[in-house]
N, C-alpha and C. Protein backbone atom coordinates (compact mmCIF):
# COMPACT_ATOMS: atom_id res chain seq x y z
N MET A 1 -195.16 -168.68 -211.06
CA MET A 1 -195.49 -169.38 -209.81
C MET A 1 -197.00 -169.36 -209.61
N ILE A 2 -197.55 -170.50 -209.26
CA ILE A 2 -198.97 -170.58 -208.94
C ILE A 2 -199.08 -170.39 -207.43
N GLY A 3 -199.66 -169.28 -207.00
CA GLY A 3 -199.72 -168.95 -205.59
C GLY A 3 -201.02 -169.31 -204.90
N ARG A 4 -202.10 -169.42 -205.70
CA ARG A 4 -203.40 -169.72 -205.10
C ARG A 4 -204.29 -170.34 -206.16
N LEU A 5 -205.09 -171.31 -205.75
CA LEU A 5 -206.05 -171.93 -206.65
C LEU A 5 -207.42 -171.92 -206.00
N SER A 6 -208.43 -171.62 -206.79
CA SER A 6 -209.80 -171.69 -206.30
C SER A 6 -210.62 -172.39 -207.38
N GLY A 7 -211.29 -173.46 -207.01
CA GLY A 7 -212.06 -174.20 -208.00
C GLY A 7 -212.90 -175.27 -207.34
N THR A 8 -213.47 -176.13 -208.16
CA THR A 8 -214.35 -177.19 -207.68
C THR A 8 -213.54 -178.42 -207.31
N LEU A 9 -213.80 -178.91 -206.12
CA LEU A 9 -213.11 -180.10 -205.64
C LEU A 9 -213.75 -181.32 -206.30
N ILE A 10 -212.98 -182.03 -207.15
CA ILE A 10 -213.56 -183.14 -207.91
C ILE A 10 -213.03 -184.51 -207.50
N GLU A 11 -211.96 -184.54 -206.71
CA GLU A 11 -211.40 -185.82 -206.29
C GLU A 11 -210.67 -185.65 -204.97
N LYS A 12 -210.87 -186.61 -204.06
CA LYS A 12 -210.18 -186.59 -202.77
C LYS A 12 -209.63 -187.98 -202.49
N LEU A 13 -208.32 -188.13 -202.57
CA LEU A 13 -207.65 -189.38 -202.23
C LEU A 13 -206.39 -189.00 -201.45
N PRO A 14 -206.51 -188.90 -200.13
CA PRO A 14 -205.42 -188.34 -199.33
C PRO A 14 -204.09 -189.03 -199.58
N PRO A 15 -203.01 -188.25 -199.66
CA PRO A 15 -202.96 -186.81 -199.42
C PRO A 15 -203.17 -185.96 -200.68
N GLN A 16 -203.64 -186.55 -201.78
CA GLN A 16 -203.80 -185.79 -203.01
C GLN A 16 -205.27 -185.50 -203.29
N ILE A 17 -205.50 -184.31 -203.84
CA ILE A 17 -206.84 -183.92 -204.28
C ILE A 17 -206.73 -183.43 -205.72
N VAL A 18 -207.87 -183.32 -206.39
CA VAL A 18 -207.90 -182.71 -207.72
C VAL A 18 -208.89 -181.56 -207.66
N LEU A 19 -208.41 -180.39 -208.09
CA LEU A 19 -209.21 -179.17 -208.09
C LEU A 19 -209.44 -178.74 -209.53
N ASP A 20 -210.71 -178.62 -209.94
CA ASP A 20 -211.05 -178.19 -211.29
C ASP A 20 -211.11 -176.67 -211.30
N VAL A 21 -210.18 -176.06 -212.01
CA VAL A 21 -210.13 -174.60 -212.12
C VAL A 21 -210.30 -174.24 -213.59
N GLY A 22 -211.48 -173.77 -213.94
CA GLY A 22 -211.75 -173.38 -215.33
C GLY A 22 -211.59 -174.52 -216.32
N GLY A 23 -211.96 -175.73 -215.91
CA GLY A 23 -211.88 -176.88 -216.81
C GLY A 23 -210.55 -177.61 -216.78
N VAL A 24 -209.58 -177.11 -216.02
CA VAL A 24 -208.29 -177.77 -215.88
C VAL A 24 -208.23 -178.41 -214.50
N GLY A 25 -207.92 -179.71 -214.45
CA GLY A 25 -207.83 -180.41 -213.17
C GLY A 25 -206.42 -180.37 -212.63
N TYR A 26 -206.23 -179.69 -211.51
CA TYR A 26 -204.91 -179.59 -210.88
C TYR A 26 -204.80 -180.64 -209.78
N GLU A 27 -203.78 -181.51 -209.89
CA GLU A 27 -203.49 -182.46 -208.83
C GLU A 27 -202.67 -181.72 -207.79
N VAL A 28 -203.15 -181.73 -206.56
CA VAL A 28 -202.50 -180.98 -205.48
C VAL A 28 -202.31 -181.90 -204.28
N ASP A 29 -201.09 -181.97 -203.77
CA ASP A 29 -200.82 -182.71 -202.54
C ASP A 29 -201.04 -181.76 -201.37
N VAL A 30 -201.79 -182.22 -200.38
CA VAL A 30 -202.09 -181.38 -199.22
C VAL A 30 -201.75 -182.13 -197.94
N PRO A 31 -201.33 -181.40 -196.89
CA PRO A 31 -201.15 -182.07 -195.61
C PRO A 31 -202.53 -182.43 -195.04
N MET A 32 -202.56 -183.41 -194.17
CA MET A 32 -203.85 -183.87 -193.65
C MET A 32 -204.59 -182.80 -192.88
N ASN A 33 -203.88 -181.88 -192.25
CA ASN A 33 -204.57 -180.80 -191.54
C ASN A 33 -205.37 -179.92 -192.50
N THR A 34 -204.89 -179.75 -193.72
CA THR A 34 -205.65 -179.03 -194.74
C THR A 34 -206.77 -179.92 -195.27
N TYR A 35 -206.46 -181.19 -195.48
CA TYR A 35 -207.45 -182.14 -196.00
C TYR A 35 -208.70 -182.16 -195.13
N TYR A 36 -208.51 -182.13 -193.81
CA TYR A 36 -209.64 -182.17 -192.89
C TYR A 36 -210.58 -180.98 -193.07
N GLN A 37 -210.04 -179.87 -193.57
CA GLN A 37 -210.84 -178.65 -193.71
C GLN A 37 -211.53 -178.52 -195.07
N LEU A 38 -211.24 -179.44 -195.97
CA LEU A 38 -211.82 -179.35 -197.30
C LEU A 38 -213.33 -179.59 -197.29
N PRO A 39 -214.04 -178.92 -198.21
CA PRO A 39 -215.48 -179.15 -198.31
C PRO A 39 -215.76 -180.48 -199.00
N ALA A 40 -217.03 -180.81 -199.16
CA ALA A 40 -217.42 -182.04 -199.85
C ALA A 40 -217.11 -181.93 -201.34
N LEU A 41 -217.04 -183.09 -202.02
CA LEU A 41 -216.83 -183.10 -203.46
C LEU A 41 -217.91 -182.27 -204.14
N GLY A 42 -217.51 -181.55 -205.20
CA GLY A 42 -218.46 -180.72 -205.92
C GLY A 42 -218.56 -179.30 -205.37
N GLN A 43 -217.96 -179.07 -204.21
CA GLN A 43 -217.97 -177.74 -203.60
C GLN A 43 -216.72 -176.96 -204.03
N THR A 44 -216.75 -175.66 -203.80
CA THR A 44 -215.60 -174.81 -204.13
C THR A 44 -214.60 -174.81 -202.99
N ALA A 45 -213.34 -174.95 -203.35
CA ALA A 45 -212.25 -174.91 -202.37
C ALA A 45 -211.19 -173.93 -202.84
N THR A 46 -210.56 -173.27 -201.89
CA THR A 46 -209.47 -172.34 -202.19
C THR A 46 -208.24 -172.77 -201.41
N LEU A 47 -207.11 -172.89 -202.10
CA LEU A 47 -205.87 -173.31 -201.47
C LEU A 47 -204.75 -172.34 -201.81
N TYR A 48 -203.88 -172.09 -200.85
CA TYR A 48 -202.64 -171.36 -201.11
C TYR A 48 -201.64 -172.42 -201.55
N THR A 49 -200.93 -172.16 -202.62
CA THR A 49 -200.13 -173.23 -203.22
C THR A 49 -198.64 -172.91 -203.28
N HIS A 50 -197.88 -173.96 -203.43
CA HIS A 50 -196.43 -173.88 -203.63
C HIS A 50 -196.09 -174.85 -204.76
N LEU A 51 -195.45 -174.35 -205.80
CA LEU A 51 -195.10 -175.17 -206.96
C LEU A 51 -193.62 -175.56 -206.89
N VAL A 52 -193.37 -176.85 -207.01
CA VAL A 52 -192.00 -177.35 -207.05
C VAL A 52 -191.74 -177.88 -208.45
N ILE A 53 -190.73 -177.34 -209.10
CA ILE A 53 -190.39 -177.78 -210.46
C ILE A 53 -189.11 -178.60 -210.38
N ARG A 54 -189.25 -179.87 -210.76
CA ARG A 54 -188.10 -180.77 -210.82
C ARG A 54 -187.88 -181.16 -212.27
N GLU A 55 -186.78 -181.80 -212.51
CA GLU A 55 -186.46 -182.24 -213.86
C GLU A 55 -187.51 -183.20 -214.40
N ASP A 56 -188.05 -184.05 -213.52
CA ASP A 56 -188.99 -185.08 -213.97
C ASP A 56 -190.45 -184.78 -213.63
N ALA A 57 -190.73 -183.67 -212.95
CA ALA A 57 -192.13 -183.41 -212.55
C ALA A 57 -192.34 -181.98 -212.09
N HIS A 58 -193.57 -181.52 -212.22
CA HIS A 58 -194.02 -180.27 -211.62
C HIS A 58 -194.99 -180.68 -210.53
N LEU A 59 -194.70 -180.36 -209.29
CA LEU A 59 -195.50 -180.79 -208.16
C LEU A 59 -196.15 -179.59 -207.49
N LEU A 60 -197.44 -179.71 -207.23
CA LEU A 60 -198.18 -178.62 -206.62
C LEU A 60 -198.64 -179.04 -205.23
N PHE A 61 -198.35 -178.19 -204.25
CA PHE A 61 -198.73 -178.45 -202.86
C PHE A 61 -199.70 -177.37 -202.43
N GLY A 62 -200.75 -177.77 -201.72
CA GLY A 62 -201.79 -176.82 -201.32
C GLY A 62 -201.98 -176.77 -199.82
N PHE A 63 -202.37 -175.58 -199.36
CA PHE A 63 -202.50 -175.34 -197.91
C PHE A 63 -203.72 -174.48 -197.63
N ALA A 64 -204.33 -174.72 -196.46
CA ALA A 64 -205.54 -174.00 -196.07
C ALA A 64 -205.25 -172.54 -195.73
N SER A 65 -204.03 -172.24 -195.31
CA SER A 65 -203.71 -170.87 -194.90
C SER A 65 -202.33 -170.47 -195.40
N LYS A 66 -202.10 -169.17 -195.46
CA LYS A 66 -200.79 -168.65 -195.85
C LYS A 66 -199.73 -169.06 -194.82
N GLU A 67 -200.13 -169.12 -193.55
CA GLU A 67 -199.20 -169.49 -192.48
C GLU A 67 -198.70 -170.92 -192.66
N GLU A 68 -199.62 -171.82 -193.02
CA GLU A 68 -199.25 -173.21 -193.23
C GLU A 68 -198.30 -173.33 -194.42
N ARG A 69 -198.59 -172.57 -195.49
CA ARG A 69 -197.70 -172.59 -196.66
C ARG A 69 -196.32 -172.05 -196.29
N GLN A 70 -196.28 -170.98 -195.50
CA GLN A 70 -195.01 -170.39 -195.09
C GLN A 70 -194.20 -171.38 -194.25
N THR A 71 -194.89 -172.12 -193.38
CA THR A 71 -194.21 -173.13 -192.57
C THR A 71 -193.62 -174.22 -193.47
N PHE A 72 -194.40 -174.66 -194.48
CA PHE A 72 -193.92 -175.66 -195.43
C PHE A 72 -192.65 -175.14 -196.13
N ARG A 73 -192.68 -173.88 -196.54
CA ARG A 73 -191.52 -173.30 -197.24
C ARG A 73 -190.29 -173.25 -196.34
N GLN A 74 -190.49 -172.97 -195.06
CA GLN A 74 -189.36 -172.98 -194.12
C GLN A 74 -188.83 -174.41 -193.93
N LEU A 75 -189.76 -175.37 -193.85
CA LEU A 75 -189.35 -176.76 -193.65
C LEU A 75 -188.49 -177.28 -194.79
N ILE A 76 -188.89 -177.00 -196.03
CA ILE A 76 -188.13 -177.56 -197.16
C ILE A 76 -186.78 -176.88 -197.37
N LYS A 77 -186.52 -175.80 -196.64
CA LYS A 77 -185.20 -175.16 -196.69
C LYS A 77 -184.20 -175.89 -195.79
N VAL A 78 -184.72 -176.70 -194.86
CA VAL A 78 -183.86 -177.42 -193.92
C VAL A 78 -183.21 -178.60 -194.65
N SER A 79 -181.92 -178.74 -194.48
CA SER A 79 -181.17 -179.83 -195.11
C SER A 79 -181.76 -181.18 -194.72
N GLY A 80 -182.05 -182.01 -195.72
CA GLY A 80 -182.59 -183.34 -195.46
C GLY A 80 -184.10 -183.41 -195.37
N ILE A 81 -184.78 -182.27 -195.48
CA ILE A 81 -186.25 -182.25 -195.42
C ILE A 81 -186.78 -181.93 -196.81
N GLY A 82 -187.38 -182.93 -197.43
CA GLY A 82 -188.00 -182.72 -198.74
C GLY A 82 -189.47 -182.43 -198.57
N ALA A 83 -190.15 -182.25 -199.69
CA ALA A 83 -191.57 -181.91 -199.67
C ALA A 83 -192.41 -183.00 -199.00
N LYS A 84 -192.07 -184.27 -199.25
CA LYS A 84 -192.85 -185.38 -198.68
C LYS A 84 -192.77 -185.40 -197.16
N ILE A 85 -191.57 -185.20 -196.62
CA ILE A 85 -191.41 -185.19 -195.17
C ILE A 85 -192.06 -183.94 -194.58
N ALA A 86 -191.95 -182.80 -195.28
CA ALA A 86 -192.60 -181.58 -194.81
C ALA A 86 -194.11 -181.77 -194.72
N LEU A 87 -194.69 -182.45 -195.73
CA LEU A 87 -196.13 -182.75 -195.69
C LEU A 87 -196.47 -183.67 -194.51
N ALA A 88 -195.61 -184.66 -194.27
CA ALA A 88 -195.84 -185.58 -193.16
C ALA A 88 -195.81 -184.82 -191.83
N ILE A 89 -194.89 -183.88 -191.70
CA ILE A 89 -194.80 -183.08 -190.47
C ILE A 89 -196.08 -182.28 -190.28
N LEU A 90 -196.54 -181.61 -191.36
CA LEU A 90 -197.74 -180.78 -191.27
C LEU A 90 -199.02 -181.61 -191.24
N SER A 91 -198.90 -182.91 -191.45
CA SER A 91 -200.05 -183.80 -191.30
C SER A 91 -200.17 -184.27 -189.85
N GLY A 92 -199.03 -184.36 -189.19
CA GLY A 92 -199.01 -184.84 -187.82
C GLY A 92 -199.25 -183.75 -186.79
N MET A 93 -199.00 -182.50 -187.18
CA MET A 93 -199.22 -181.38 -186.26
C MET A 93 -199.50 -180.12 -187.07
N THR A 94 -200.21 -179.20 -186.46
CA THR A 94 -200.52 -177.95 -187.15
C THR A 94 -199.26 -177.09 -187.19
N ALA A 95 -199.32 -176.03 -187.98
CA ALA A 95 -198.18 -175.09 -188.06
C ALA A 95 -197.90 -174.50 -186.68
N ASP A 96 -198.95 -174.19 -185.92
CA ASP A 96 -198.77 -173.65 -184.58
C ASP A 96 -198.13 -174.66 -183.64
N GLU A 97 -198.59 -175.91 -183.71
CA GLU A 97 -198.02 -176.96 -182.86
C GLU A 97 -196.54 -177.19 -183.20
N LEU A 98 -196.21 -177.12 -184.49
CA LEU A 98 -194.82 -177.27 -184.91
C LEU A 98 -193.98 -176.13 -184.36
N ALA A 99 -194.50 -174.91 -184.47
CA ALA A 99 -193.77 -173.75 -183.95
C ALA A 99 -193.51 -173.90 -182.45
N LEU A 100 -194.50 -174.40 -181.72
CA LEU A 100 -194.34 -174.61 -180.29
C LEU A 100 -193.33 -175.72 -179.99
N ALA A 101 -193.37 -176.80 -180.81
CA ALA A 101 -192.42 -177.90 -180.63
C ALA A 101 -190.98 -177.42 -180.89
N ILE A 102 -190.81 -176.57 -181.91
CA ILE A 102 -189.48 -176.02 -182.22
C ILE A 102 -189.03 -175.11 -181.08
N ALA A 103 -189.93 -174.21 -180.66
CA ALA A 103 -189.59 -173.27 -179.59
C ALA A 103 -189.26 -174.00 -178.29
N GLY A 104 -189.98 -175.10 -178.03
CA GLY A 104 -189.76 -175.87 -176.82
C GLY A 104 -188.69 -176.94 -176.97
N GLU A 105 -188.06 -176.99 -178.15
CA GLU A 105 -187.03 -177.98 -178.45
C GLU A 105 -187.51 -179.40 -178.13
N ASP A 106 -188.75 -179.69 -178.55
CA ASP A 106 -189.39 -180.98 -178.29
C ASP A 106 -188.96 -182.00 -179.34
N VAL A 107 -187.74 -182.49 -179.20
CA VAL A 107 -187.15 -183.43 -180.16
C VAL A 107 -187.95 -184.73 -180.22
N LYS A 108 -188.47 -185.16 -179.07
CA LYS A 108 -189.25 -186.41 -179.03
C LYS A 108 -190.49 -186.30 -179.91
N ARG A 109 -191.21 -185.20 -179.82
CA ARG A 109 -192.43 -185.02 -180.62
C ARG A 109 -192.09 -184.97 -182.11
N LEU A 110 -191.04 -184.24 -182.45
CA LEU A 110 -190.63 -184.14 -183.85
C LEU A 110 -190.16 -185.49 -184.40
N SER A 111 -189.52 -186.28 -183.57
CA SER A 111 -189.00 -187.59 -183.99
C SER A 111 -190.11 -188.60 -184.26
N ALA A 112 -191.33 -188.31 -183.80
CA ALA A 112 -192.45 -189.22 -184.01
C ALA A 112 -192.95 -189.20 -185.46
N VAL A 113 -192.53 -188.21 -186.24
CA VAL A 113 -192.92 -188.11 -187.64
C VAL A 113 -192.07 -189.08 -188.47
N PRO A 114 -192.70 -189.83 -189.40
CA PRO A 114 -191.90 -190.77 -190.22
C PRO A 114 -190.85 -190.02 -191.04
N GLY A 115 -189.65 -190.58 -191.06
CA GLY A 115 -188.58 -189.94 -191.82
C GLY A 115 -187.77 -188.96 -190.99
N ILE A 116 -188.21 -188.71 -189.76
CA ILE A 116 -187.50 -187.78 -188.88
C ILE A 116 -186.88 -188.57 -187.73
N GLY A 117 -185.58 -188.68 -187.76
CA GLY A 117 -184.87 -189.31 -186.65
C GLY A 117 -184.46 -188.24 -185.65
N LYS A 118 -183.77 -188.65 -184.61
CA LYS A 118 -183.37 -187.71 -183.56
C LYS A 118 -182.47 -186.60 -184.11
N LYS A 119 -181.51 -186.99 -184.96
CA LYS A 119 -180.58 -185.98 -185.50
C LYS A 119 -181.31 -184.97 -186.39
N THR A 120 -182.23 -185.46 -187.21
CA THR A 120 -182.99 -184.56 -188.08
C THR A 120 -183.88 -183.65 -187.24
N ALA A 121 -184.47 -184.19 -186.19
CA ALA A 121 -185.31 -183.38 -185.29
C ALA A 121 -184.47 -182.29 -184.64
N GLU A 122 -183.26 -182.64 -184.23
CA GLU A 122 -182.37 -181.64 -183.63
C GLU A 122 -181.98 -180.57 -184.65
N ARG A 123 -181.78 -181.00 -185.92
CA ARG A 123 -181.45 -180.03 -186.97
C ARG A 123 -182.63 -179.09 -187.22
N LEU A 124 -183.85 -179.65 -187.19
CA LEU A 124 -185.05 -178.82 -187.35
C LEU A 124 -185.10 -177.74 -186.27
N VAL A 125 -184.86 -178.15 -185.03
CA VAL A 125 -184.89 -177.19 -183.91
C VAL A 125 -183.83 -176.12 -184.12
N LEU A 126 -182.62 -176.54 -184.47
CA LEU A 126 -181.51 -175.62 -184.66
C LEU A 126 -181.77 -174.63 -185.80
N GLU A 127 -182.23 -175.15 -186.95
CA GLU A 127 -182.39 -174.30 -188.13
C GLU A 127 -183.67 -173.48 -188.15
N LEU A 128 -184.71 -173.94 -187.43
CA LEU A 128 -185.99 -173.23 -187.49
C LEU A 128 -186.28 -172.39 -186.25
N ARG A 129 -185.42 -172.47 -185.25
CA ARG A 129 -185.66 -171.71 -184.03
C ARG A 129 -185.78 -170.22 -184.36
N GLY A 130 -186.88 -169.63 -183.97
CA GLY A 130 -187.11 -168.20 -184.21
C GLY A 130 -187.66 -167.87 -185.58
N LYS A 131 -187.79 -168.87 -186.45
CA LYS A 131 -188.28 -168.62 -187.81
C LYS A 131 -189.75 -168.93 -187.99
N LEU A 132 -190.31 -169.73 -187.08
CA LEU A 132 -191.72 -170.09 -187.19
C LEU A 132 -192.51 -169.31 -186.16
N MET A 133 -193.58 -168.69 -186.62
CA MET A 133 -194.42 -167.91 -185.72
C MET A 133 -195.74 -168.63 -185.53
N THR A 134 -196.23 -168.61 -184.30
CA THR A 134 -197.55 -169.17 -184.08
C THR A 134 -198.56 -168.14 -184.52
N GLY A 135 -199.51 -168.59 -185.33
CA GLY A 135 -200.53 -167.68 -185.85
C GLY A 135 -201.59 -167.44 -184.81
N SER A 136 -202.56 -168.29 -184.77
CA SER A 136 -203.61 -168.15 -183.77
C SER A 136 -203.75 -169.49 -183.09
N LEU A 137 -203.37 -169.54 -181.86
CA LEU A 137 -203.44 -170.80 -181.13
C LEU A 137 -204.84 -171.01 -180.57
N VAL A 138 -205.80 -170.99 -181.47
CA VAL A 138 -207.18 -171.20 -181.06
C VAL A 138 -207.54 -172.64 -181.37
N ALA A 139 -207.74 -173.42 -180.33
CA ALA A 139 -208.11 -174.82 -180.54
C ALA A 139 -209.61 -174.94 -180.61
N THR A 140 -210.10 -175.61 -181.64
CA THR A 140 -211.53 -175.82 -181.74
C THR A 140 -211.86 -177.10 -180.99
N PRO A 141 -212.85 -177.05 -180.10
CA PRO A 141 -213.17 -178.25 -179.33
C PRO A 141 -213.51 -179.41 -180.26
N GLY A 142 -212.85 -180.53 -180.04
CA GLY A 142 -213.13 -181.70 -180.86
C GLY A 142 -212.49 -181.65 -182.23
N GLY A 143 -211.69 -180.60 -182.51
CA GLY A 143 -211.02 -180.51 -183.80
C GLY A 143 -211.91 -179.92 -184.87
N LEU A 144 -211.47 -180.02 -186.10
CA LEU A 144 -212.18 -179.44 -187.23
C LEU A 144 -213.27 -180.37 -187.73
N PRO A 145 -214.29 -179.81 -188.38
CA PRO A 145 -215.34 -180.67 -188.91
C PRO A 145 -214.76 -181.64 -189.93
N LEU A 146 -215.26 -182.83 -189.93
CA LEU A 146 -214.76 -183.85 -190.85
C LEU A 146 -215.78 -184.15 -191.92
N ALA A 147 -215.29 -184.39 -193.12
CA ALA A 147 -216.18 -184.82 -194.19
C ALA A 147 -216.28 -186.33 -194.11
N MET A 148 -217.42 -186.83 -193.73
CA MET A 148 -217.58 -188.28 -193.61
C MET A 148 -217.75 -188.89 -195.00
N MET A 149 -216.94 -189.85 -195.28
CA MET A 149 -216.98 -190.48 -196.59
C MET A 149 -217.14 -191.99 -196.40
N ALA A 150 -217.65 -192.64 -197.43
CA ALA A 150 -217.91 -194.08 -197.34
C ALA A 150 -216.70 -194.88 -197.83
N ASP A 151 -215.50 -194.40 -197.55
CA ASP A 151 -214.30 -195.13 -197.94
C ASP A 151 -213.94 -196.14 -196.86
N ASP A 152 -213.14 -197.13 -197.23
CA ASP A 152 -212.81 -198.17 -196.26
C ASP A 152 -211.39 -198.02 -195.72
N ARG A 153 -211.02 -198.98 -194.89
CA ARG A 153 -209.73 -198.93 -194.22
C ARG A 153 -208.54 -198.94 -195.18
N SER A 154 -208.71 -199.55 -196.34
CA SER A 154 -207.58 -199.60 -197.28
C SER A 154 -207.20 -198.21 -197.76
N ASP A 155 -208.18 -197.30 -197.88
CA ASP A 155 -207.87 -195.92 -198.27
C ASP A 155 -207.11 -195.21 -197.15
N ILE A 156 -207.47 -195.52 -195.91
CA ILE A 156 -206.79 -194.92 -194.77
C ILE A 156 -205.35 -195.42 -194.71
N ILE A 157 -205.18 -196.74 -194.89
CA ILE A 157 -203.82 -197.31 -194.93
C ILE A 157 -203.03 -196.69 -196.08
N GLY A 158 -203.66 -196.55 -197.24
CA GLY A 158 -203.00 -195.96 -198.41
C GLY A 158 -202.53 -194.54 -198.12
N ALA A 159 -203.35 -193.76 -197.42
CA ALA A 159 -202.98 -192.39 -197.08
C ALA A 159 -201.77 -192.38 -196.14
N LEU A 160 -201.77 -193.29 -195.17
CA LEU A 160 -200.65 -193.36 -194.23
C LEU A 160 -199.36 -193.79 -194.93
N LEU A 161 -199.48 -194.74 -195.87
CA LEU A 161 -198.30 -195.17 -196.64
C LEU A 161 -197.77 -194.02 -197.47
N ALA A 162 -198.68 -193.23 -198.06
CA ALA A 162 -198.26 -192.08 -198.88
C ALA A 162 -197.56 -191.02 -198.04
N LEU A 163 -197.88 -190.99 -196.75
CA LEU A 163 -197.25 -190.02 -195.84
C LEU A 163 -195.91 -190.52 -195.29
N GLY A 164 -195.54 -191.77 -195.65
CA GLY A 164 -194.22 -192.26 -195.27
C GLY A 164 -194.19 -193.32 -194.18
N TYR A 165 -195.35 -193.69 -193.64
CA TYR A 165 -195.39 -194.75 -192.64
C TYR A 165 -195.32 -196.10 -193.35
N ASN A 166 -194.81 -197.13 -192.65
CA ASN A 166 -194.79 -198.46 -193.27
C ASN A 166 -196.10 -199.18 -192.94
N GLU A 167 -196.31 -200.33 -193.56
CA GLU A 167 -197.58 -201.05 -193.40
C GLU A 167 -197.82 -201.48 -191.96
N LYS A 168 -196.76 -201.90 -191.28
CA LYS A 168 -196.90 -202.34 -189.89
C LYS A 168 -197.35 -201.18 -189.01
N GLU A 169 -196.72 -200.00 -189.19
CA GLU A 169 -197.10 -198.82 -188.40
C GLU A 169 -198.54 -198.41 -188.70
N ALA A 170 -198.89 -198.43 -189.99
CA ALA A 170 -200.24 -198.03 -190.40
C ALA A 170 -201.29 -198.96 -189.82
N ALA A 171 -201.03 -200.26 -189.89
CA ALA A 171 -201.98 -201.24 -189.37
C ALA A 171 -202.15 -201.08 -187.86
N ALA A 172 -201.05 -200.86 -187.15
CA ALA A 172 -201.12 -200.68 -185.69
C ALA A 172 -201.87 -199.40 -185.33
N ALA A 173 -201.70 -198.37 -186.16
CA ALA A 173 -202.31 -197.06 -185.86
C ALA A 173 -203.82 -197.06 -185.97
N ILE A 174 -204.38 -197.96 -186.79
CA ILE A 174 -205.85 -197.96 -186.95
C ILE A 174 -206.54 -198.97 -186.05
N LYS A 175 -205.79 -199.67 -185.21
CA LYS A 175 -206.41 -200.61 -184.27
C LYS A 175 -207.31 -199.83 -183.33
N GLY A 176 -208.51 -200.34 -183.13
CA GLY A 176 -209.45 -199.69 -182.22
C GLY A 176 -210.25 -198.57 -182.87
N MET A 177 -209.99 -198.32 -184.16
CA MET A 177 -210.72 -197.27 -184.86
C MET A 177 -212.18 -197.68 -185.05
N PRO A 178 -213.12 -196.77 -184.83
CA PRO A 178 -214.53 -197.11 -185.04
C PRO A 178 -214.77 -197.62 -186.46
N ALA A 179 -215.59 -198.65 -186.59
CA ALA A 179 -215.82 -199.31 -187.88
C ALA A 179 -216.44 -198.38 -188.92
N ASP A 180 -217.19 -197.37 -188.48
CA ASP A 180 -217.86 -196.48 -189.44
C ASP A 180 -217.04 -195.23 -189.77
N SER A 181 -215.76 -195.23 -189.44
CA SER A 181 -214.92 -194.06 -189.70
C SER A 181 -214.74 -193.82 -191.19
N GLY A 182 -214.84 -192.56 -191.60
CA GLY A 182 -214.54 -192.18 -192.97
C GLY A 182 -213.04 -192.01 -193.11
N VAL A 183 -212.58 -191.68 -194.31
CA VAL A 183 -211.14 -191.55 -194.55
C VAL A 183 -210.54 -190.45 -193.68
N SER A 184 -211.15 -189.27 -193.69
CA SER A 184 -210.61 -188.15 -192.92
C SER A 184 -210.51 -188.49 -191.44
N GLU A 185 -211.61 -189.00 -190.91
CA GLU A 185 -211.66 -189.34 -189.49
C GLU A 185 -210.66 -190.44 -189.16
N GLY A 186 -210.57 -191.44 -190.05
CA GLY A 186 -209.66 -192.55 -189.82
C GLY A 186 -208.20 -192.14 -189.86
N VAL A 187 -207.85 -191.29 -190.82
CA VAL A 187 -206.46 -190.83 -190.92
C VAL A 187 -206.11 -189.97 -189.71
N ARG A 188 -207.04 -189.13 -189.29
CA ARG A 188 -206.81 -188.29 -188.11
C ARG A 188 -206.59 -189.18 -186.88
N TYR A 189 -207.44 -190.18 -186.73
CA TYR A 189 -207.33 -191.12 -185.61
C TYR A 189 -205.95 -191.80 -185.63
N ALA A 190 -205.56 -192.29 -186.82
CA ALA A 190 -204.28 -193.00 -186.95
C ALA A 190 -203.09 -192.07 -186.66
N LEU A 191 -203.14 -190.84 -187.19
CA LEU A 191 -202.03 -189.91 -186.97
C LEU A 191 -201.89 -189.55 -185.49
N LYS A 192 -203.02 -189.40 -184.80
CA LYS A 192 -202.94 -189.13 -183.36
C LYS A 192 -202.24 -190.29 -182.65
N ASN A 193 -202.59 -191.52 -183.02
CA ASN A 193 -201.95 -192.69 -182.42
C ASN A 193 -200.45 -192.71 -182.73
N LEU A 194 -200.10 -192.42 -183.97
CA LEU A 194 -198.70 -192.46 -184.38
C LEU A 194 -197.88 -191.36 -183.70
N MET A 195 -198.49 -190.20 -183.50
CA MET A 195 -197.75 -189.09 -182.88
C MET A 195 -197.53 -189.30 -181.38
N LYS A 196 -198.33 -190.18 -180.77
CA LYS A 196 -198.15 -190.47 -179.34
C LYS A 196 -196.85 -191.21 -179.10
N GLY A 197 -196.48 -192.07 -180.11
CA GLY A 197 -195.27 -192.88 -179.95
C GLY A 197 -194.07 -192.07 -180.17
């Protein structure tokens, strides 16, 4: 099992990044909350990882903290929740926010994630109640620092599609977005809009 990777960040195309560790490039899927915390290309990044081995692929998922990884592991144990939906959940809310939504039985908030209907949201509440702990509910004013990149709206739409939203939802979510938004900022803006609904 690969539990942690530390190396040079050589590619960022949300939700996937490539981390060069000793000359080997690891493709790692990360939730957007982790993506926002990544350093600039060429810098060193450390991720806590979870390896999924399937018949047709070995998939590596990376997280900024052990708590986020633990939440991902709890999510994929829930019937009907695969790795892609778990990433979408952790992209739309932090591990702490998810724990609070579960504890508060906030089915509406959970249902706002693509791929999560009312019944699945209710199952999440039922199966995860008491299993998710809030780590540190320290909110940073204005959110986490963003890496401003010169990518365009198509990359933002692509990231939203990869997270499970359809083109219509993605296009509606970026309406009103500042024209100079980078990918990180744009995806964050879009996810906030999508989570309101």
